[in-house]
C-alpha atoms as a PDB file:
ATOM      1  CA  MET A   1      48.324   4.346 -23.561  1.00  0.00           C
ATOM      2  CA  PRO A   2      44.927   4.108 -21.549  1.00  0.00           C
ATOM      3  CA  ALA A   3      42.608   6.834 -21.287  1.00  0.00           C
ATOM      4  CA  VAL A   4      41.939   8.730 -17.954  1.00  0.00           C
ATOM      5  CA  VAL A   5      38.450   9.692 -17.020  1.00  0.00           C
ATOM      6  CA  LYS A   6      37.210  11.433 -13.723  1.00  0.00           C
ATOM      7  CA  CYS A   7      35.107   9.353 -11.509  1.00  0.00           C
ATOM      8  CA  PRO A   8      31.569  10.200 -11.804  1.00  0.00           C
ATOM      9  CA  THR A   9      31.184  10.116  -8.054  1.00  0.00           C
ATOM     10  CA  CYS A  10      34.180  11.920  -6.618  1.00  0.00           C
ATOM     11  CA  ALA A  11      35.933  13.533  -9.477  1.00  0.00           C
ATOM     12  CA  LYS A  12      39.022  11.451  -8.833  1.00  0.00           C
ATOM     13  CA  ASP A  13      41.231  10.367 -12.203  1.00  0.00           C
ATOM     14  CA  VAL A  14      40.621   7.096 -13.309  1.00  0.00           C
ATOM     15  CA  VAL A  15      42.823   4.906 -15.911  1.00  0.00           C
ATOM     16  CA  TRP A  16      40.228   3.345 -18.376  1.00  0.00           C
ATOM     17  CA  ALA A  17      41.724   0.003 -18.730  1.00  0.00           C
ATOM     18  CA  PRO A  18      40.497  -3.734 -18.321  1.00  0.00           C
ATOM     19  CA  GLU A  19      42.477  -3.887 -14.951  1.00  0.00           C
ATOM     20  CA  ASN A  20      40.152  -1.374 -13.408  1.00  0.00           C
ATOM     21  CA  LYS A  21      37.412  -3.608 -12.600  1.00  0.00           C
ATOM     22  CA  PHE A  22      35.081  -0.436 -11.127  1.00  0.00           C
ATOM     23  CA  ARG A  23      35.427   1.747 -14.231  1.00  0.00           C
ATOM     24  CA  PRO A  24      34.134   4.310 -14.700  1.00  0.00           C
ATOM     25  CA  PHE A  25      34.525   4.431 -11.256  1.00  0.00           C
ATOM     26  CA  CYS A  26      37.673   4.686  -8.896  1.00  0.00           C
ATOM     27  CA  SER A  27      36.548   2.371  -6.370  1.00  0.00           C
ATOM     28  CA  GLU A  28      33.694  -0.131  -5.082  1.00  0.00           C
ATOM     29  CA  ARG A  29      32.553   2.400  -2.761  1.00  0.00           C
ATOM     30  CA  CYS A  30      31.988   5.269  -5.610  1.00  0.00           C
ATOM     31  CA  LYS A  31      30.430   2.514  -7.592  1.00  0.00           C
ATOM     32  CA  GLN A  32      27.756   1.563  -4.727  1.00  0.00           C
ATOM     33  CA  ILE A  33      27.465   5.553  -4.003  1.00  0.00           C
ATOM     34  CA  ASP A  34      26.184   5.831  -7.818  1.00  0.00           C
ATOM     35  CA  LEU A  35      23.749   2.723  -7.513  1.00  0.00           C
ATOM     36  CA  GLY A  36      22.439   3.901  -4.382  1.00  0.00           C
ATOM     37  CA  ALA A  37      21.712   7.308  -5.997  1.00  0.00           C
ATOM     38  CA  TRP A  38      19.723   5.386  -8.882  1.00  0.00           C
ATOM     39  CA  ALA A  39      17.809   3.275  -6.364  1.00  0.00           C
ATOM     40  CA  SER A  40      16.610   6.083  -4.224  1.00  0.00           C
ATOM     41  CA  GLU A  41      15.842   7.862  -7.622  1.00  0.00           C
ATOM     42  CA  LYS A  42      18.046  10.503  -7.213  1.00  0.00           C
ATOM     43  CA  TYR A  43      18.618  10.233 -10.899  1.00  0.00           C
ATOM     44  CA  VAL A  44      16.102   9.859 -13.485  1.00  0.00           C
ATOM     45  CA  ILE A  45      15.686   9.319 -17.047  1.00  0.00           C
ATOM     46  CA  GLU A  46      13.226  11.588 -18.674  1.00  0.00           C
ATOM     47  CA  GLY A  47      10.495  10.286 -20.950  1.00  0.00           C
ATOM     48  CA  LYS A  48       7.438   8.624 -21.262  1.00  0.00           C
ATOM     49  CA  PRO A  49       6.753   5.851 -18.614  1.00  0.00           C
ATOM     50  CA  ALA A  50       6.445   2.349 -20.167  1.00  0.00           C
ATOM     51  CA  ASP A  51       3.137   0.382 -19.822  1.00  0.00           C
ATOM     52  CA  ALA A  52       3.593  -2.061 -16.919  1.00  0.00           C
ATOM     53  CA  SER A  53       1.247  -4.619 -18.434  1.00  0.00           C
ATOM     54  CA  PRO A  54       1.225  -4.769 -22.169  1.00  0.00           C
ATOM     55  CA  GLU A  55      -2.096  -5.681 -23.541  1.00  0.00           C
ATOM     56  CA  LEU A  56      -2.163  -9.150 -24.945  1.00  0.00           C
ATOM     57  CA  PRO A  57      -4.924 -10.424 -27.765  1.00  0.00           C
ATOM     58  CA  GLU A  58      -7.892 -11.652 -26.327  1.00  0.00           C
ATOM     59  CA  ASP A  59      -8.396 -15.683 -26.887  1.00  0.00           C
ATOM     60  CA  LYS A  60     -11.339 -16.072 -29.417  1.00  0.00           C
ATOM     61  CA  ASP A  61     -13.506 -19.233 -29.268  1.00  0.00           C
ATOM     62  CA  ASP A  62     -14.565 -19.896 -33.054  1.00  0.00           C
END
């Protein structure tokens, strides 16, 4: 028997099964709402920011 979880967006019960292509969300709408929240930086993952441009070793002409 598949597990039942709560949709992270609207809290409806969702069957966790391969047939549910939106899991853990209940619908495409809830999935898009969550994606929009990440895109607008409503959610953040704490931690030290990554360096945008890693240092590359300099070429040395010998």
